[in-house]
N, C-alpha and C. Protein backbone atom coordinates (compact mmCIF):
# COMPACT_ATOMS: atom_id res chain seq x y z
N MET A 1 -12.06 -101.04 -49.69
CA MET A 1 -11.42 -100.21 -50.68
C MET A 1 -10.85 -101.12 -51.78
N LEU A 2 -10.77 -100.56 -52.98
CA LEU A 2 -10.26 -101.32 -54.11
C LEU A 2 -8.74 -101.31 -54.13
N ASP A 3 -8.17 -102.47 -54.40
CA ASP A 3 -6.73 -102.51 -54.61
C ASP A 3 -6.48 -102.48 -56.12
N SER A 4 -5.23 -102.45 -56.51
CA SER A 4 -4.89 -102.31 -57.93
C SER A 4 -5.43 -103.47 -58.77
N ASN A 5 -5.47 -104.67 -58.21
CA ASN A 5 -6.01 -105.81 -58.96
C ASN A 5 -7.49 -105.65 -59.26
N LYS A 6 -8.23 -105.14 -58.29
CA LYS A 6 -9.67 -104.92 -58.50
C LYS A 6 -9.91 -103.80 -59.50
N VAL A 7 -9.07 -102.77 -59.44
CA VAL A 7 -9.17 -101.66 -60.40
C VAL A 7 -9.03 -102.20 -61.82
N ILE A 8 -8.06 -103.06 -62.03
CA ILE A 8 -7.81 -103.64 -63.35
C ILE A 8 -8.94 -104.58 -63.75
N GLU A 9 -9.36 -105.44 -62.83
CA GLU A 9 -10.44 -106.39 -63.12
C GLU A 9 -11.72 -105.69 -63.52
N LEU A 10 -12.10 -104.66 -62.78
CA LEU A 10 -13.32 -103.92 -63.10
C LEU A 10 -13.22 -103.26 -64.47
N TRP A 11 -12.08 -102.65 -64.75
CA TRP A 11 -11.89 -102.00 -66.04
C TRP A 11 -11.99 -103.02 -67.17
N GLN A 12 -11.32 -104.15 -67.04
CA GLN A 12 -11.34 -105.16 -68.09
C GLN A 12 -12.73 -105.74 -68.28
N PHE A 13 -13.49 -105.88 -67.20
CA PHE A 13 -14.84 -106.40 -67.30
C PHE A 13 -15.74 -105.46 -68.09
N PHE A 14 -15.70 -104.18 -67.77
CA PHE A 14 -16.60 -103.21 -68.41
C PHE A 14 -16.10 -102.73 -69.77
N LYS A 15 -14.80 -102.81 -70.00
CA LYS A 15 -14.21 -102.27 -71.22
C LYS A 15 -14.84 -102.84 -72.48
N GLU A 16 -15.12 -104.11 -72.49
CA GLU A 16 -15.66 -104.74 -73.70
C GLU A 16 -17.08 -104.26 -74.03
N TYR A 17 -17.78 -103.66 -73.08
CA TYR A 17 -19.13 -103.18 -73.30
C TYR A 17 -19.19 -101.69 -73.63
N LEU A 18 -18.05 -101.03 -73.64
CA LEU A 18 -18.00 -99.58 -73.84
C LEU A 18 -17.93 -99.22 -75.32
N ASP A 19 -18.43 -98.03 -75.62
CA ASP A 19 -18.32 -97.48 -76.96
C ASP A 19 -16.85 -97.17 -77.22
N GLN A 20 -16.28 -97.84 -78.19
CA GLN A 20 -14.84 -97.72 -78.45
C GLN A 20 -14.45 -96.31 -78.90
N LYS A 21 -15.39 -95.55 -79.43
CA LYS A 21 -15.10 -94.18 -79.85
C LYS A 21 -14.91 -93.26 -78.64
N GLN A 22 -15.45 -93.64 -77.51
CA GLN A 22 -15.40 -92.81 -76.30
C GLN A 22 -14.55 -93.42 -75.19
N ILE A 23 -13.83 -94.46 -75.50
CA ILE A 23 -13.18 -95.24 -74.44
C ILE A 23 -12.13 -94.44 -73.67
N GLU A 24 -11.41 -93.53 -74.33
CA GLU A 24 -10.40 -92.74 -73.62
C GLU A 24 -11.06 -91.82 -72.59
N VAL A 25 -12.14 -91.19 -72.98
CA VAL A 25 -12.87 -90.30 -72.07
C VAL A 25 -13.46 -91.10 -70.92
N ILE A 26 -14.01 -92.25 -71.22
CA ILE A 26 -14.60 -93.10 -70.19
C ILE A 26 -13.52 -93.58 -69.22
N ALA A 27 -12.36 -93.90 -69.73
CA ALA A 27 -11.25 -94.33 -68.86
C ALA A 27 -10.86 -93.20 -67.90
N GLU A 28 -10.82 -91.97 -68.40
CA GLU A 28 -10.50 -90.84 -67.53
C GLU A 28 -11.57 -90.65 -66.45
N LYS A 29 -12.83 -90.80 -66.84
CA LYS A 29 -13.92 -90.69 -65.87
C LYS A 29 -13.86 -91.81 -64.84
N TYR A 30 -13.50 -93.00 -65.28
CA TYR A 30 -13.35 -94.15 -64.39
C TYR A 30 -12.28 -93.86 -63.33
N VAL A 31 -11.14 -93.35 -63.77
CA VAL A 31 -10.06 -93.05 -62.84
C VAL A 31 -10.49 -91.94 -61.88
N ASP A 32 -11.17 -90.92 -62.39
CA ASP A 32 -11.68 -89.85 -61.52
C ASP A 32 -12.63 -90.41 -60.46
N LEU A 33 -13.51 -91.31 -60.89
CA LEU A 33 -14.47 -91.94 -59.97
C LEU A 33 -13.74 -92.74 -58.90
N LEU A 34 -12.74 -93.50 -59.30
CA LEU A 34 -11.96 -94.27 -58.33
C LEU A 34 -11.32 -93.36 -57.30
N ALA A 35 -10.74 -92.27 -57.77
CA ALA A 35 -10.10 -91.32 -56.85
C ALA A 35 -11.13 -90.70 -55.91
N ASP A 36 -12.30 -90.35 -56.44
CA ASP A 36 -13.36 -89.78 -55.62
C ASP A 36 -13.80 -90.73 -54.51
N TYR A 37 -13.72 -92.03 -54.79
CA TYR A 37 -14.14 -93.02 -53.80
C TYR A 37 -12.98 -93.57 -52.96
N GLY A 38 -11.85 -92.89 -53.00
CA GLY A 38 -10.79 -93.19 -52.07
C GLY A 38 -9.68 -94.11 -52.53
N VAL A 39 -9.65 -94.47 -53.79
CA VAL A 39 -8.53 -95.28 -54.26
C VAL A 39 -7.29 -94.39 -54.29
N SER A 40 -6.24 -94.83 -53.65
CA SER A 40 -5.05 -94.01 -53.49
C SER A 40 -4.24 -93.92 -54.79
N ASP A 41 -3.41 -92.89 -54.85
CA ASP A 41 -2.52 -92.73 -56.00
C ASP A 41 -1.59 -93.93 -56.13
N VAL A 42 -1.20 -94.49 -55.01
CA VAL A 42 -0.31 -95.66 -55.02
C VAL A 42 -1.01 -96.85 -55.69
N GLU A 43 -2.26 -97.08 -55.34
CA GLU A 43 -3.01 -98.18 -55.95
C GLU A 43 -3.19 -97.94 -57.44
N LEU A 44 -3.44 -96.69 -57.83
CA LEU A 44 -3.57 -96.37 -59.26
C LEU A 44 -2.25 -96.62 -59.98
N GLN A 45 -1.15 -96.21 -59.38
CA GLN A 45 0.16 -96.45 -59.99
C GLN A 45 0.43 -97.94 -60.13
N ASP A 46 0.02 -98.71 -59.14
CA ASP A 46 0.22 -100.17 -59.19
C ASP A 46 -0.61 -100.82 -60.29
N ALA A 47 -1.67 -100.16 -60.73
CA ALA A 47 -2.53 -100.70 -61.78
C ALA A 47 -1.96 -100.46 -63.18
N ILE A 48 -0.94 -99.64 -63.27
CA ILE A 48 -0.33 -99.34 -64.57
C ILE A 48 0.41 -100.57 -65.09
N GLY A 49 0.28 -100.78 -66.41
CA GLY A 49 1.02 -101.85 -67.05
C GLY A 49 0.17 -103.00 -67.55
N HIS A 50 -1.15 -102.87 -67.40
CA HIS A 50 -2.03 -103.96 -67.82
C HIS A 50 -2.93 -103.60 -68.99
N ASP A 51 -3.15 -102.30 -69.19
CA ASP A 51 -4.03 -101.85 -70.26
C ASP A 51 -3.58 -100.45 -70.67
N ASP A 52 -3.26 -100.27 -71.95
CA ASP A 52 -2.72 -98.99 -72.42
C ASP A 52 -3.68 -97.83 -72.21
N ILE A 53 -4.95 -98.04 -72.46
CA ILE A 53 -5.94 -96.97 -72.31
C ILE A 53 -6.07 -96.57 -70.85
N LEU A 54 -6.16 -97.56 -69.98
CA LEU A 54 -6.23 -97.28 -68.55
C LEU A 54 -4.94 -96.63 -68.07
N ASP A 55 -3.80 -97.08 -68.57
CA ASP A 55 -2.51 -96.47 -68.21
C ASP A 55 -2.49 -94.99 -68.56
N ASP A 56 -2.96 -94.65 -69.76
CA ASP A 56 -2.98 -93.25 -70.18
C ASP A 56 -3.87 -92.41 -69.26
N ALA A 57 -5.02 -92.96 -68.89
CA ALA A 57 -5.94 -92.24 -68.02
C ALA A 57 -5.34 -92.04 -66.63
N ILE A 58 -4.69 -93.05 -66.12
CA ILE A 58 -4.05 -92.94 -64.80
C ILE A 58 -2.91 -91.93 -64.85
N ASN A 59 -2.09 -92.02 -65.88
CA ASN A 59 -0.99 -91.06 -66.02
C ASN A 59 -1.50 -89.64 -66.15
N TYR A 60 -2.59 -89.47 -66.88
CA TYR A 60 -3.19 -88.14 -67.02
C TYR A 60 -3.68 -87.65 -65.65
N TYR A 61 -4.35 -88.51 -64.91
CA TYR A 61 -4.85 -88.14 -63.58
C TYR A 61 -3.70 -87.79 -62.64
N LEU A 62 -2.65 -88.59 -62.67
CA LEU A 62 -1.51 -88.37 -61.79
C LEU A 62 -0.57 -87.28 -62.32
N ASP A 63 -0.85 -86.79 -63.50
CA ASP A 63 -0.07 -85.73 -64.14
C ASP A 63 1.37 -86.16 -64.37
N VAL A 64 1.56 -87.44 -64.66
CA VAL A 64 2.90 -87.99 -64.86
C VAL A 64 3.52 -87.44 -66.14
N ASP A 65 2.75 -87.40 -67.22
CA ASP A 65 3.30 -86.95 -68.50
C ASP A 65 3.76 -85.50 -68.43
N ASN A 66 3.00 -84.64 -67.78
CA ASN A 66 3.38 -83.23 -67.70
C ASN A 66 4.64 -83.06 -66.88
N GLU A 67 4.81 -83.83 -65.83
CA GLU A 67 6.02 -83.76 -65.03
C GLU A 67 7.22 -84.21 -65.85
N ASP A 68 7.06 -85.27 -66.62
CA ASP A 68 8.16 -85.77 -67.45
C ASP A 68 8.53 -84.75 -68.51
N LYS A 69 7.55 -84.13 -69.15
CA LYS A 69 7.82 -83.12 -70.16
C LYS A 69 8.52 -81.92 -69.54
N HIS A 70 8.08 -81.53 -68.36
CA HIS A 70 8.69 -80.39 -67.68
C HIS A 70 10.15 -80.70 -67.35
N ASP A 71 10.43 -81.89 -66.89
CA ASP A 71 11.80 -82.30 -66.58
C ASP A 71 12.66 -82.29 -67.84
N ASP A 72 12.10 -82.76 -68.98
CA ASP A 72 12.84 -82.76 -70.23
C ASP A 72 13.16 -81.34 -70.69
N GLU A 73 12.21 -80.43 -70.51
CA GLU A 73 12.43 -79.04 -70.90
C GLU A 73 13.53 -78.42 -70.05
N LEU A 74 13.58 -78.75 -68.78
CA LEU A 74 14.62 -78.21 -67.90
C LEU A 74 16.00 -78.71 -68.32
N GLU A 75 16.08 -79.94 -68.78
CA GLU A 75 17.36 -80.50 -69.21
C GLU A 75 17.90 -79.79 -70.44
N ASP A 76 17.01 -79.23 -71.29
CA ASP A 76 17.45 -78.53 -72.49
C ASP A 76 18.17 -77.23 -72.15
N TYR A 77 17.90 -76.67 -70.99
CA TYR A 77 18.54 -75.41 -70.61
C TYR A 77 19.80 -75.70 -69.94
């Protein structure tokens, strides 16, 4: 199984060969593929902090942004 270091290494290796216009979509597909092959949410969280595009894709997959927005909305009430 891939650990967070391998997740980052693979992304950085392939990132330079990707179409930059589609990189956000490809990052999301990459994260989906990792999850389909058994990479845990914990390993994905551990991979955050090394690449902004990959971070966004992981956060989207883990639904982190929506939870944060929901918490902020609750604080307004």
